[in-house]
Amino acid sequence: MPYIEAVNERYNQLYSVEFELELNGRDSASARKTAERNAQHKAILITFDEMYDHYRNEMDAADIWNAIYAAHMIRKAGHSFKFAGSETDAYRQIGNAVPPVLFWHIAKKVSQYFDPSMSLR
């Protein structure tokens, strides 16, 4: 299976399981929002670890991260979502959609694979 399909499938599997675990039978809007955020966080980090371990000889960490991010955005926005403007504008819109704290956790995890001496505090 090509890595993009594997990443997409694994991310969505993990997100579904983690969302239900986080939601834990609650149905309020705030519970759903919190469950979604926590499930996204866990699914992104776990998917990255697993896919990097599996595809490290074929793909670099940035390509794996981009595939996870694409899977995340498709799940969140849907396949029919259209970005406005140029390709650069689309990347900016995607970047603006990630909460800063989530991005910090992702950057911390990904940085380990680029240069072990790097550290995010």
PDB file of N, CA and C in Angstrom:
ATOM      1  N   MET A   1       0.856  -1.175   0.000  1.00  0.00           N
ATOM      2  CA  MET A   1       0.000   0.000   0.000  1.00  0.00           C
ATOM      3  C   MET A   1       0.900   1.236   0.000  1.00  0.00           C
ATOM      4  N   PRO A   2       0.654   2.183  -0.906  1.00  0.00           N
ATOM      5  CA  PRO A   2       1.452   3.417  -0.913  1.00  0.00           C
ATOM      6  C   PRO A   2       1.326   4.140   0.428  1.00  0.00           C
ATOM      7  N   TYR A   3       2.392   4.830   0.800  1.00  0.00           N
ATOM      8  CA  TYR A   3       2.423   5.425   2.136  1.00  0.00           C
ATOM      9  C   TYR A   3       1.310   6.437   2.356  1.00  0.00           C
ATOM     10  N   ILE A   4       0.907   7.195   1.348  1.00  0.00           N
ATOM     11  CA  ILE A   4      -0.154   8.194   1.538  1.00  0.00           C
ATOM     12  C   ILE A   4      -1.464   7.509   1.919  1.00  0.00           C
ATOM     13  N   GLU A   5      -1.777   6.416   1.249  1.00  0.00           N
ATOM     14  CA  GLU A   5      -2.997   5.673   1.590  1.00  0.00           C
ATOM     15  C   GLU A   5      -2.890   5.058   2.983  1.00  0.00           C
ATOM     16  N   ALA A   6      -1.713   4.525   3.311  1.00  0.00           N
ATOM     17  CA  ALA A   6      -1.511   3.922   4.632  1.00  0.00           C
ATOM     18  C   ALA A   6      -1.652   4.969   5.732  1.00  0.00           C
ATOM     19  N   VAL A   7      -1.076   6.138   5.512  1.00  0.00           N
ATOM     20  CA  VAL A   7      -1.167   7.227   6.486  1.00  0.00           C
ATOM     21  C   VAL A   7      -2.623   7.642   6.671  1.00  0.00           C
ATOM     22  N   ASN A   8      -3.318   7.851   5.570  1.00  0.00           N
ATOM     23  CA  ASN A   8      -4.711   8.285   5.631  1.00  0.00           C
ATOM     24  C   ASN A   8      -5.571   7.255   6.377  1.00  0.00           C
ATOM     25  N   GLU A   9      -5.400   5.999   6.035  1.00  0.00           N
ATOM     26  CA  GLU A   9      -6.183   4.938   6.670  1.00  0.00           C
ATOM     27  C   GLU A   9      -5.892   4.851   8.170  1.00  0.00           C
ATOM     28  N   ARG A  10      -4.618   4.865   8.531  1.00  0.00           N
ATOM     29  CA  ARG A  10      -4.249   4.732   9.941  1.00  0.00           C
ATOM     30  C   ARG A  10      -4.702   5.941  10.759  1.00  0.00           C
ATOM     31  N   TYR A  11      -4.490   7.140  10.222  1.00  0.00           N
ATOM     32  CA  TYR A  11      -4.919   8.348  10.941  1.00  0.00           C
ATOM     33  C   TYR A  11      -6.423   8.292  11.219  1.00  0.00           C
ATOM     34  N   ASN A  12      -7.200   7.961  10.209  1.00  0.00           N
ATOM     35  CA  ASN A  12      -8.652   7.934  10.378  1.00  0.00           C
ATOM     36  C   ASN A  12      -9.103   6.833  11.343  1.00  0.00           C
ATOM     37  N   GLN A  13      -8.428   5.680  11.310  1.00  0.00           N
ATOM     38  CA  GLN A  13      -8.737   4.612  12.274  1.00  0.00           C
ATOM     39  C   GLN A  13      -8.476   5.085  13.699  1.00  0.00           C
ATOM     40  N   LEU A  14      -7.293   5.633  13.898  1.00  0.00           N
ATOM     41  CA  LEU A  14      -6.931   6.094  15.232  1.00  0.00           C
ATOM     42  C   LEU A  14      -7.853   7.207  15.710  1.00  0.00           C
ATOM     43  N   TYR A  15      -8.150   8.148  14.814  1.00  0.00           N
ATOM     44  CA  TYR A  15      -9.023   9.257  15.204  1.00  0.00           C
ATOM     45  C   TYR A  15     -10.385   8.723  15.657  1.00  0.00           C
ATOM     46  N   SER A  16     -10.965   7.819  14.907  1.00  0.00           N
ATOM     47  CA  SER A  16     -12.292   7.284  15.254  1.00  0.00           C
ATOM     48  C   SER A  16     -12.292   6.617  16.620  1.00  0.00           C
ATOM     49  N   VAL A  17     -11.291   5.799  16.868  1.00  0.00           N
ATOM     50  CA  VAL A  17     -11.205   5.095  18.153  1.00  0.00           C
ATOM     51  C   VAL A  17     -10.975   6.087  19.288  1.00  0.00           C
ATOM     52  N   GLU A  18     -10.018   6.979  19.106  1.00  0.00           N
ATOM     53  CA  GLU A  18      -9.685   7.942  20.159  1.00  0.00           C
ATOM     54  C   GLU A  18     -10.840   8.902  20.443  1.00  0.00           C
ATOM     55  N   PHE A  19     -11.575   9.299  19.401  1.00  0.00           N
ATOM     56  CA  PHE A  19     -12.704  10.211  19.594  1.00  0.00           C
ATOM     57  C   PHE A  19     -13.752   9.559  20.495  1.00  0.00           C
ATOM     58  N   GLU A  20     -14.088   8.310  20.218  1.00  0.00           N
ATOM     59  CA  GLU A  20     -15.084   7.611  21.036  1.00  0.00           C
ATOM     60  C   GLU A  20     -14.590   7.425  22.468  1.00  0.00           C
ATOM     61  N   LEU A  21     -13.318   7.095  22.626  1.00  0.00           N
ATOM     62  CA  LEU A  21     -12.759   6.946  23.973  1.00  0.00           C
ATOM     63  C   LEU A  21     -12.786   8.274  24.736  1.00  0.00           C
ATOM     64  N   GLU A  22     -12.407   9.340  24.052  1.00  0.00           N
ATOM     65  CA  GLU A  22     -12.395  10.662  24.686  1.00  0.00           C
ATOM     66  C   GLU A  22     -13.807  11.145  25.005  1.00  0.00           C
ATOM     67  N   LEU A  23     -14.735  10.885  24.109  1.00  0.00           N
ATOM     68  CA  LEU A  23     -16.115  11.343  24.292  1.00  0.00           C
ATOM     69  C   LEU A  23     -16.754  10.614  25.480  1.00  0.00           C
ATOM     70  N   ASN A  24     -16.494   9.327  25.603  1.00  0.00           N
ATOM     71  CA  ASN A  24     -16.922   8.541  26.758  1.00  0.00           C
ATOM     72  C   ASN A  24     -18.409   8.703  27.080  1.00  0.00           C
ATOM     73  N   GLY A  25     -19.243   8.675  26.040  1.00  0.00           N
ATOM     74  CA  GLY A  25     -20.689   8.732  26.231  1.00  0.00           C
ATOM     75  C   GLY A  25     -21.271  10.112  26.424  1.00  0.00           C
ATOM     76  N   ARG A  26     -20.441  11.137  26.541  1.00  0.00           N
ATOM     77  CA  ARG A  26     -20.948  12.505  26.703  1.00  0.00           C
ATOM     78  C   ARG A  26     -21.377  13.036  25.342  1.00  0.00           C
ATOM     79  N   ASP A  27     -22.317  13.980  25.338  1.00  0.00           N
ATOM     80  CA  ASP A  27     -22.823  14.457  24.050  1.00  0.00           C
ATOM     81  C   ASP A  27     -22.953  15.975  23.975  1.00  0.00           C
ATOM     82  N   SER A  28     -22.432  16.694  24.934  1.00  0.00           N
ATOM     83  CA  SER A  28     -22.529  18.159  24.878  1.00  0.00           C
ATOM     84  C   SER A  28     -21.572  18.698  23.817  1.00  0.00           C
ATOM     85  N   ALA A  29     -21.809  19.903  23.376  1.00  0.00           N
ATOM     86  CA  ALA A  29     -20.958  20.527  22.359  1.00  0.00           C
ATOM     87  C   ALA A  29     -19.524  20.675  22.873  1.00  0.00           C
ATOM     88  N   SER A  30     -19.374  21.072  24.119  1.00  0.00           N
ATOM     89  CA  SER A  30     -18.020  21.247  24.657  1.00  0.00           C
ATOM     90  C   SER A  30     -17.305  19.904  24.805  1.00  0.00           C
ATOM     91  N   ALA A  31     -18.041  18.859  25.193  1.00  0.00           N
ATOM     92  CA  ALA A  31     -17.431  17.528  25.303  1.00  0.00           C
ATOM     93  C   ALA A  31     -16.985  17.033  23.927  1.00  0.00           C
ATOM     94  N   ARG A  32     -17.799  17.282  22.907  1.00  0.00           N
ATOM     95  CA  ARG A  32     -17.450  16.856  21.548  1.00  0.00           C
ATOM     96  C   ARG A  32     -16.223  17.624  21.044  1.00  0.00           C
ATOM     97  N   LYS A  33     -16.169  18.920  21.327  1.00  0.00           N
ATOM     98  CA  LYS A  33     -15.037  19.736  20.886  1.00  0.00           C
ATOM     99  C   LYS A  33     -13.744  19.277  21.568  1.00  0.00           C
ATOM    100  N   THR A  34     -13.815  19.040  22.875  1.00  0.00           N
ATOM    101  CA  THR A  34     -12.644  18.573  23.615  1.00  0.00           C
ATOM    102  C   THR A  34     -12.213  17.190  23.131  1.00  0.00           C
ATOM    103  N   ALA A  35     -13.175  16.299  22.928  1.00  0.00           N
ATOM    104  CA  ALA A  35     -12.864  14.953  22.438  1.00  0.00           C
ATOM    105  C   ALA A  35     -12.221  15.016  21.056  1.00  0.00           C
ATOM    106  N   GLU A  36     -12.744  15.892  20.196  1.00  0.00           N
ATOM    107  CA  GLU A  36     -12.179  16.033  18.856  1.00  0.00           C
ATOM    108  C   GLU A  36     -10.728  16.503  18.925  1.00  0.00           C
ATOM    109  N   ARG A  37     -10.472  17.529  19.717  1.00  0.00           N
ATOM    110  CA  ARG A  37      -9.114  18.077  19.839  1.00  0.00           C
ATOM    111  C   ARG A  37      -8.148  17.026  20.394  1.00  0.00           C
ATOM    112  N   ASN A  38      -8.548  16.327  21.451  1.00  0.00           N
ATOM    113  CA  ASN A  38      -7.676  15.312  22.045  1.00  0.00           C
ATOM    114  C   ASN A  38      -7.456  14.129  21.106  1.00  0.00           C
ATOM    115  N   ALA A  39      -8.503  13.718  20.409  1.00  0.00           N
ATOM    116  CA  ALA A  39      -8.379  12.604  19.458  1.00  0.00           C
ATOM    117  C   ALA A  39      -7.465  12.979  18.296  1.00  0.00           C
ATOM    118  N   GLN A  40      -7.584  14.207  17.799  1.00  0.00           N
ATOM    119  CA  GLN A  40      -6.708  14.674  16.723  1.00  0.00           C
ATOM    120  C   GLN A  40      -5.254  14.619  17.178  1.00  0.00           C
ATOM    121  N   HIS A  41      -5.002  15.163  18.349  1.00  0.00           N
ATOM    122  CA  HIS A  41      -3.649  15.211  18.887  1.00  0.00           C
ATOM    123  C   HIS A  41      -3.048  13.809  18.965  1.00  0.00           C
ATOM    124  N   LYS A  42      -3.759  12.882  19.583  1.00  0.00           N
ATOM    125  CA  LYS A  42      -3.259  11.514  19.731  1.00  0.00           C
ATOM    126  C   LYS A  42      -3.089  10.832  18.381  1.00  0.00           C
ATOM    127  N   ALA A  43      -4.078  10.978  17.495  1.00  0.00           N
ATOM    128  CA  ALA A  43      -4.009  10.318  16.180  1.00  0.00           C
ATOM    129  C   ALA A  43      -2.838  10.827  15.356  1.00  0.00           C
ATOM    130  N   ILE A  44      -2.591  12.123  15.399  1.00  0.00           N
ATOM    131  CA  ILE A  44      -1.473  12.688  14.633  1.00  0.00           C
ATOM    132  C   ILE A  44      -0.146  12.151  15.153  1.00  0.00           C
ATOM    133  N   LEU A  45       0.071  12.198  16.455  1.00  0.00           N
ATOM    134  CA  LEU A  45       1.354  11.770  17.017  1.00  0.00           C
ATOM    135  C   LEU A  45       1.585  10.268  16.856  1.00  0.00           C
ATOM    136  N   ILE A  46       0.571   9.470  17.108  1.00  0.00           N
ATOM    137  CA  ILE A  46       0.718   8.014  16.971  1.00  0.00           C
ATOM    138  C   ILE A  46       0.938   7.638  15.506  1.00  0.00           C
ATOM    139  N   THR A  47       0.162   8.250  14.604  1.00  0.00           N
ATOM    140  CA  THR A  47       0.330   7.958  13.174  1.00  0.00           C
ATOM    141  C   THR A  47       1.733   8.308  12.720  1.00  0.00           C
ATOM    142  N   PHE A  48       2.234   9.465  13.156  1.00  0.00           N
ATOM    143  CA  PHE A  48       3.586   9.850  12.750  1.00  0.00           C
ATOM    144  C   PHE A  48       4.602   8.817  13.224  1.00  0.00           C
ATOM    145  N   ASP A  49       4.544   8.431  14.489  1.00  0.00           N
ATOM    146  CA  ASP A  49       5.494   7.431  15.010  1.00  0.00           C
ATOM    147  C   ASP A  49       5.442   6.136  14.214  1.00  0.00           C
ATOM    148  N   GLU A  50       4.232   5.626  13.996  1.00  0.00           N
ATOM    149  CA  GLU A  50       4.089   4.352  13.287  1.00  0.00           C
ATOM    150  C   GLU A  50       4.542   4.449  11.838  1.00  0.00           C
ATOM    151  N   MET A  51       4.142   5.498  11.154  1.00  0.00           N
ATOM    152  CA  MET A  51       4.485   5.622   9.736  1.00  0.00           C
ATOM    153  C   MET A  51       5.969   5.910   9.545  1.00  0.00           C
ATOM    154  N   TYR A  52       6.550   6.674  10.447  1.00  0.00           N
ATOM    155  CA  TYR A  52       7.984   6.933  10.343  1.00  0.00           C
ATOM    156  C   TYR A  52       8.767   5.641  10.541  1.00  0.00           C
ATOM    157  N   ASP A  53       8.369   4.850  11.531  1.00  0.00           N
ATOM    158  CA  ASP A  53       9.041   3.569  11.747  1.00  0.00           C
ATOM    159  C   ASP A  53       8.933   2.666  10.519  1.00  0.00           C
ATOM    160  N   HIS A  54       7.777   2.681   9.876  1.00  0.00           N
ATOM    161  CA  HIS A  54       7.546   1.795   8.733  1.00  0.00           C
ATOM    162  C   HIS A  54       8.172   2.314   7.441  1.00  0.00           C
ATOM    163  N   TYR A  55       8.128   3.630   7.199  1.00  0.00           N
ATOM    164  CA  TYR A  55       8.550   4.190   5.909  1.00  0.00           C
ATOM    165  C   TYR A  55       9.833   5.007   5.971  1.00  0.00           C
ATOM    166  N   ARG A  56      10.577   4.947   7.052  1.00  0.00           N
ATOM    167  CA  ARG A  56      11.753   5.805   7.204  1.00  0.00           C
ATOM    168  C   ARG A  56      12.797   5.624   6.101  1.00  0.00           C
ATOM    169  N   ASN A  57      12.876   4.454   5.501  1.00  0.00           N
ATOM    170  CA  ASN A  57      13.854   4.231   4.439  1.00  0.00           C
ATOM    171  C   ASN A  57      13.363   4.702   3.076  1.00  0.00           C
ATOM    172  N   GLU A  58      12.058   4.960   2.961  1.00  0.00           N
ATOM    173  CA  GLU A  58      11.479   5.376   1.686  1.00  0.00           C
ATOM    174  C   GLU A  58      11.127   6.858   1.646  1.00  0.00           C
ATOM    175  N   MET A  59      10.700   7.400   2.773  1.00  0.00           N
ATOM    176  CA  MET A  59      10.196   8.773   2.817  1.00  0.00           C
ATOM    177  C   MET A  59      10.871   9.516   3.958  1.00  0.00           C
ATOM    178  N   ASP A  60      11.010  10.835   3.796  1.00  0.00           N
ATOM    179  CA  ASP A  60      11.549  11.577   4.931  1.00  0.00           C
ATOM    180  C   ASP A  60      10.412  12.020   5.853  1.00  0.00           C
ATOM    181  N   ALA A  61      10.773  12.487   7.016  1.00  0.00           N
ATOM    182  CA  ALA A  61       9.790  12.846   8.040  1.00  0.00           C
ATOM    183  C   ALA A  61       8.826  13.925   7.557  1.00  0.00           C
ATOM    184  N   ALA A  62       9.317  14.874   6.776  1.00  0.00           N
ATOM    185  CA  ALA A  62       8.452  15.956   6.286  1.00  0.00           C
ATOM    186  C   ALA A  62       7.363  15.427   5.356  1.00  0.00           C
ATOM    187  N   ASP A  63       7.692  14.473   4.498  1.00  0.00           N
ATOM    188  CA  ASP A  63       6.682  13.895   3.603  1.00  0.00           C
ATOM    189  C   ASP A  63       5.615  13.134   4.391  1.00  0.00           C
ATOM    190  N   ILE A  64       6.053  12.430   5.423  1.00  0.00           N
ATOM    191  CA  ILE A  64       5.103  11.689   6.251  1.00  0.00           C
ATOM    192  C   ILE A  64       4.203  12.671   6.997  1.00  0.00           C
ATOM    193  N   TRP A  65       4.798  13.710   7.543  1.00  0.00           N
ATOM    194  CA  TRP A  65       4.003  14.739   8.233  1.00  0.00           C
ATOM    195  C   TRP A  65       2.983  15.359   7.273  1.00  0.00           C
ATOM    196  N   ASN A  66       3.385  15.703   6.056  1.00  0.00           N
ATOM    197  CA  ASN A  66       2.460  16.299   5.088  1.00  0.00           C
ATOM    198  C   ASN A  66       1.303  15.362   4.768  1.00  0.00           C
ATOM    199  N   ALA A  67       1.578  14.069   4.667  1.00  0.00           N
ATOM    200  CA  ALA A  67       0.508  13.103   4.396  1.00  0.00           C
ATOM    201  C   ALA A  67      -0.463  13.024   5.577  1.00  0.00           C
ATOM    202  N   ILE A  68       0.064  13.048   6.799  1.00  0.00           N
ATOM    203  CA  ILE A  68      -0.806  13.034   7.983  1.00  0.00           C
ATOM    204  C   ILE A  68      -1.652  14.295   8.017  1.00  0.00           C
ATOM    205  N   TYR A  69      -1.023  15.411   7.737  1.00  0.00           N
ATOM    206  CA  TYR A  69      -1.743  16.677   7.776  1.00  0.00           C
ATOM    207  C   TYR A  69      -2.843  16.713   6.718  1.00  0.00           C
ATOM    208  N   ALA A  70      -2.551  16.189   5.538  1.00  0.00           N
ATOM    209  CA  ALA A  70      -3.569  16.129   4.485  1.00  0.00           C
ATOM    210  C   ALA A  70      -4.733  15.250   4.929  1.00  0.00           C
ATOM    211  N   ALA A  71      -4.439  14.105   5.540  1.00  0.00           N
ATOM    212  CA  ALA A  71      -5.501  13.220   6.033  1.00  0.00           C
ATOM    213  C   ALA A  71      -6.338  13.935   7.086  1.00  0.00           C
ATOM    214  N   HIS A  72      -5.677  14.669   7.966  1.00  0.00           N
ATOM    215  CA  HIS A  72      -6.369  15.427   9.009  1.00  0.00           C
ATOM    216  C   HIS A  72      -7.291  16.478   8.399  1.00  0.00           C
ATOM    217  N   MET A  73      -6.795  17.230   7.434  1.00  0.00           N
ATOM    218  CA  MET A  73      -7.600  18.300   6.835  1.00  0.00           C
ATOM    219  C   MET A  73      -8.771  17.735   6.031  1.00  0.00           C
ATOM    220  N   ILE A  74      -8.559  16.630   5.344  1.00  0.00           N
ATOM    221  CA  ILE A  74      -9.656  16.012   4.587  1.00  0.00           C
ATOM    222  C   ILE A  74     -10.736  15.515   5.544  1.00  0.00           C
ATOM    223  N   ARG A  75     -10.318  14.879   6.646  1.00  0.00           N
ATOM    224  CA  ARG A  75     -11.299  14.410   7.624  1.00  0.00           C
ATOM    225  C   ARG A  75     -12.070  15.585   8.225  1.00  0.00           C
ATOM    226  N   LYS A  76     -11.367  16.651   8.488  1.00  0.00           N
ATOM    227  CA  LYS A  76     -11.978  17.806   9.148  1.00  0.00           C
ATOM    228  C   LYS A  76     -12.864  18.608   8.196  1.00  0.00           C
ATOM    229  N   ALA A  77     -12.416  18.822   6.976  1.00  0.00           N
ATOM    230  CA  ALA A  77     -13.144  19.693   6.045  1.00  0.00           C
ATOM    231  C   ALA A  77     -14.005  18.924   5.051  1.00  0.00           C
ATOM    232  N   GLY A  78     -13.670  17.685   4.782  1.00  0.00           N
ATOM    233  CA  GLY A  78     -14.413  16.911   3.801  1.00  0.00           C
ATOM    234  C   GLY A  78     -13.747  16.975   2.434  1.00  0.00           C
ATOM    235  N   HIS A  79     -14.009  15.980   1.621  1.00  0.00           N
ATOM    236  CA  HIS A  79     -13.377  15.883   0.305  1.00  0.00           C
ATOM    237  C   HIS A  79     -13.816  16.978  -0.652  1.00  0.00           C
ATOM    238  N   SER A  80     -14.976  17.550  -0.447  1.00  0.00           N
ATOM    239  CA  SER A  80     -15.485  18.542  -1.395  1.00  0.00           C
ATOM    240  C   SER A  80     -15.035  19.966  -1.074  1.00  0.00           C
ATOM    241  N   PHE A  81     -14.275  20.153   0.009  1.00  0.00           N
ATOM    242  CA  PHE A  81     -13.848  21.494   0.405  1.00  0.00           C
ATOM    243  C   PHE A  81     -12.930  22.091  -0.650  1.00  0.00           C
ATOM    244  N   LYS A  82     -13.165  23.331  -1.006  1.00  0.00           N
ATOM    245  CA  LYS A  82     -12.329  24.043  -1.993  1.00  0.00           C
ATOM    246  C   LYS A  82     -11.631  25.205  -1.292  1.00  0.00           C
ATOM    247  N   PHE A  83     -10.326  25.300  -1.472  1.00  0.00           N
ATOM    248  CA  PHE A  83      -9.571  26.418  -0.918  1.00  0.00           C
ATOM    249  C   PHE A  83      -9.698  27.622  -1.841  1.00  0.00           C
ATOM    250  N   ALA A  84      -9.725  28.789  -1.243  1.00  0.00           N
ATOM    251  CA  ALA A  84      -9.826  30.029  -2.026  1.00  0.00           C
ATOM    252  C   ALA A  84      -8.431  30.547  -2.337  1.00  0.00           C
ATOM    253  N   GLY A  85      -8.251  31.106  -3.523  1.00  0.00           N
ATOM    254  CA  GLY A  85      -6.988  31.752  -3.874  1.00  0.00           C
ATOM    255  C   GLY A  85      -5.974  30.801  -4.473  1.00  0.00           C
ATOM    256  N   SER A  86      -4.721  31.237  -4.401  1.00  0.00           N
ATOM    257  CA  SER A  86      -3.611  30.497  -5.003  1.00  0.00           C
ATOM    258  C   SER A  86      -3.201  29.311  -4.129  1.00  0.00           C
ATOM    259  N   GLU A  87      -2.229  28.551  -4.622  1.00  0.00           N
ATOM    260  CA  GLU A  87      -1.718  27.423  -3.839  1.00  0.00           C
ATOM    261  C   GLU A  87      -1.092  27.925  -2.539  1.00  0.00           C
ATOM    262  N   THR A  88      -0.380  29.032  -2.615  1.00  0.00           N
ATOM    263  CA  THR A  88       0.207  29.629  -1.413  1.00  0.00           C
ATOM    264  C   THR A  88      -0.877  30.008  -0.415  1.00  0.00           C
ATOM    265  N   ASP A  89      -1.972  30.583  -0.920  1.00  0.00           N
ATOM    266  CA  ASP A  89      -3.098  30.925  -0.050  1.00  0.00           C
ATOM    267  C   ASP A  89      -3.678  29.679   0.617  1.00  0.00           C
ATOM    268  N   ALA A  90      -3.759  28.597  -0.146  1.00  0.00           N
ATOM    269  CA  ALA A  90      -4.298  27.349   0.397  1.00  0.00           C
ATOM    270  C   ALA A  90      -3.417  26.835   1.533  1.00  0.00           C
ATOM    271  N   TYR A  91      -2.081  26.849   1.342  1.00  0.00           N
ATOM    272  CA  TYR A  91      -1.181  26.420   2.408  1.00  0.00           C
ATOM    273  C   TYR A  91      -1.332  27.319   3.636  1.00  0.00           C
ATOM    274  N   ARG A  92      -1.506  28.602   3.425  1.00  0.00           N
ATOM    275  CA  ARG A  92      -1.694  29.532   4.540  1.00  0.00           C
ATOM    276  C   ARG A  92      -2.991  29.207   5.287  1.00  0.00           C
ATOM    277  N   GLN A  93      -4.057  28.905   4.543  1.00  0.00           N
ATOM    278  CA  GLN A  93      -5.332  28.561   5.175  1.00  0.00           C
ATOM    279  C   GLN A  93      -5.197  27.287   6.009  1.00  0.00           C
ATOM    280  N   ILE A  94      -4.482  26.305   5.469  1.00  0.00           N
ATOM    281  CA  ILE A  94      -4.271  25.063   6.210  1.00  0.00           C
ATOM    282  C   ILE A  94      -3.457  25.342   7.473  1.00  0.00           C
ATOM    283  N   GLY A  95      -2.397  26.113   7.336  1.00  0.00           N
ATOM    284  CA  GLY A  95      -1.560  26.453   8.488  1.00  0.00           C
ATOM    285  C   GLY A  95      -2.333  27.183   9.563  1.00  0.00           C
ATOM    286  N   ASN A  96      -3.221  28.058   9.157  1.00  0.00           N
ATOM    287  CA  ASN A  96      -4.016  28.816  10.122  1.00  0.00           C
ATOM    288  C   ASN A  96      -5.052  27.946  10.824  1.00  0.00           C
ATOM    289  N   ALA A  97      -5.347  26.780  10.284  1.00  0.00           N
ATOM    290  CA  ALA A  97      -6.363  25.902  10.868  1.00  0.00           C
ATOM    291  C   ALA A  97      -5.830  25.056  12.018  1.00  0.00           C
ATOM    292  N   VAL A  98      -4.521  25.030  12.210  1.00  0.00           N
ATOM    293  CA  VAL A  98      -3.934  24.205  13.267  1.00  0.00           C
ATOM    294  C   VAL A  98      -3.732  25.052  14.517  1.00  0.00           C
ATOM    295  N   PRO A  99      -4.300  24.618  15.633  1.00  0.00           N
ATOM    296  CA  PRO A  99      -4.090  25.354  16.880  1.00  0.00           C
ATOM    297  C   PRO A  99      -2.604  25.398  17.241  1.00  0.00           C
ATOM    298  N   PRO A 100      -2.093  26.532  17.729  1.00  0.00           N
ATOM    299  CA  PRO A 100      -0.665  26.662  18.030  1.00  0.00           C
ATOM    300  C   PRO A 100      -0.123  25.609  19.000  1.00  0.00           C
ATOM    301  N   VAL A 101      -0.891  25.259  20.006  1.00  0.00           N
ATOM    302  CA  VAL A 101      -0.405  24.263  20.972  1.00  0.00           C
ATOM    303  C   VAL A 101      -0.264  22.890  20.308  1.00  0.00           C
ATOM    304  N   LEU A 102      -1.206  22.538  19.458  1.00  0.00           N
ATOM    305  CA  LEU A 102      -1.110  21.266  18.745  1.00  0.00           C
ATOM    306  C   LEU A 102       0.121  21.281  17.841  1.00  0.00           C
ATOM    307  N   PHE A 103       0.336  22.386  17.130  1.00  0.00           N
ATOM    308  CA  PHE A 103       1.503  22.476  16.255  1.00  0.00           C
ATOM    309  C   PHE A 103       2.798  22.370  17.057  1.00  0.00           C
ATOM    310  N   TRP A 104       2.849  22.963  18.241  1.00  0.00           N
ATOM    311  CA  TRP A 104       4.043  22.877  19.080  1.00  0.00           C
ATOM    312  C   TRP A 104       4.345  21.424  19.408  1.00  0.00           C
ATOM    313  N   HIS A 105       3.313  20.652  19.786  1.00  0.00           N
ATOM    314  CA  HIS A 105       3.516  19.230  20.105  1.00  0.00           C
ATOM    315  C   HIS A 105       3.987  18.455  18.874  1.00  0.00           C
ATOM    316  N   ILE A 106       3.428  18.775  17.735  1.00  0.00           N
ATOM    317  CA  ILE A 106       3.829  18.100  16.497  1.00  0.00           C
ATOM    318  C   ILE A 106       5.271  18.452  16.158  1.00  0.00           C
ATOM    319  N   ALA A 107       5.606  19.731  16.224  1.00  0.00           N
ATOM    320  CA  ALA A 107       6.969  20.176  15.915  1.00  0.00           C
ATOM    321  C   ALA A 107       7.978  19.528  16.869  1.00  0.00           C
ATOM    322  N   LYS A 108       7.618  19.421  18.124  1.00  0.00           N
ATOM    323  CA  LYS A 108       8.497  18.787  19.110  1.00  0.00           C
ATOM    324  C   LYS A 108       8.773  17.336  18.721  1.00  0.00           C
ATOM    325  N   LYS A 109       7.720  16.629  18.322  1.00  0.00           N
ATOM    326  CA  LYS A 109       7.862  15.226  17.946  1.00  0.00           C
ATOM    327  C   LYS A 109       8.663  15.083  16.644  1.00  0.00           C
ATOM    328  N   VAL A 110       8.312  15.856  15.633  1.00  0.00           N
ATOM    329  CA  VAL A 110       8.965  15.754  14.329  1.00  0.00           C
ATOM    330  C   VAL A 110      10.427  16.177  14.416  1.00  0.00           C
ATOM    331  N   SER A 111      10.745  17.163  15.243  1.00  0.00           N
ATOM    332  CA  SER A 111      12.121  17.655  15.330  1.00  0.00           C
ATOM    333  C   SER A 111      13.096  16.559  15.767  1.00  0.00           C
ATOM    334  N   GLN A 112      12.614  15.587  16.508  1.00  0.00           N
ATOM    335  CA  GLN A 112      13.473  14.488  16.942  1.00  0.00           C
ATOM    336  C   GLN A 112      14.003  13.691  15.757  1.00  0.00           C
ATOM    337  N   TYR A 113      13.257  13.649  14.671  1.00  0.00           N
ATOM    338  CA  TYR A 113      13.637  12.845  13.524  1.00  0.00           C
ATOM    339  C   TYR A 113      14.570  13.585  12.571  1.00  0.00           C
ATOM    340  N   PHE A 114      14.638  14.912  12.699  1.00  0.00           N
ATOM    341  CA  PHE A 114      15.508  15.690  11.824  1.00  0.00           C
ATOM    342  C   PHE A 114      16.898  15.840  12.401  1.00  0.00           C
ATOM    343  N   ASP A 115      16.998  16.178  13.658  1.00  0.00           N
ATOM    344  CA  ASP A 115      18.294  16.400  14.286  1.00  0.00           C
ATOM    345  C   ASP A 115      18.145  16.102  15.772  1.00  0.00           C
ATOM    346  N   PRO A 116      18.692  14.978  16.224  1.00  0.00           N
ATOM    347  CA  PRO A 116      18.512  14.593  17.631  1.00  0.00           C
ATOM    348  C   PRO A 116      19.005  15.639  18.631  1.00  0.00           C
ATOM    349  N   SER A 117      19.918  16.510  18.213  1.00  0.00           N
ATOM    350  CA  SER A 117      20.425  17.517  19.151  1.00  0.00           C
ATOM    351  C   SER A 117      19.446  18.684  19.298  1.00  0.00           C
ATOM    352  N   MET A 118      18.447  18.767  18.419  1.00  0.00           N
ATOM    353  CA  MET A 118      17.464  19.839  18.527  1.00  0.00           C
ATOM    354  C   MET A 118      16.520  19.548  19.700  1.00  0.00           C
ATOM    355  N   SER A 119      16.061  20.596  20.320  1.00  0.00           N
ATOM    356  CA  SER A 119      15.146  20.438  21.438  1.00  0.00           C
ATOM    357  C   SER A 119      14.185  21.594  21.464  1.00  0.00           C
ATOM    358  N   LEU A 120      12.905  21.283  21.630  1.00  0.00           N
ATOM    359  CA  LEU A 120      11.887  22.313  21.830  1.00  0.00           C
ATOM    360  C   LEU A 120      11.478  22.234  23.288  1.00  0.00           C
ATOM    361  N   ARG A 121      11.560  23.321  23.969  1.00  0.00           N
ATOM    362  CA  ARG A 121      11.228  23.309  25.399  1.00  0.00           C
ATOM    363  C   ARG A 121       9.866  23.850  25.643  1.00  0.00           C
TER     364      ARG A 121
END
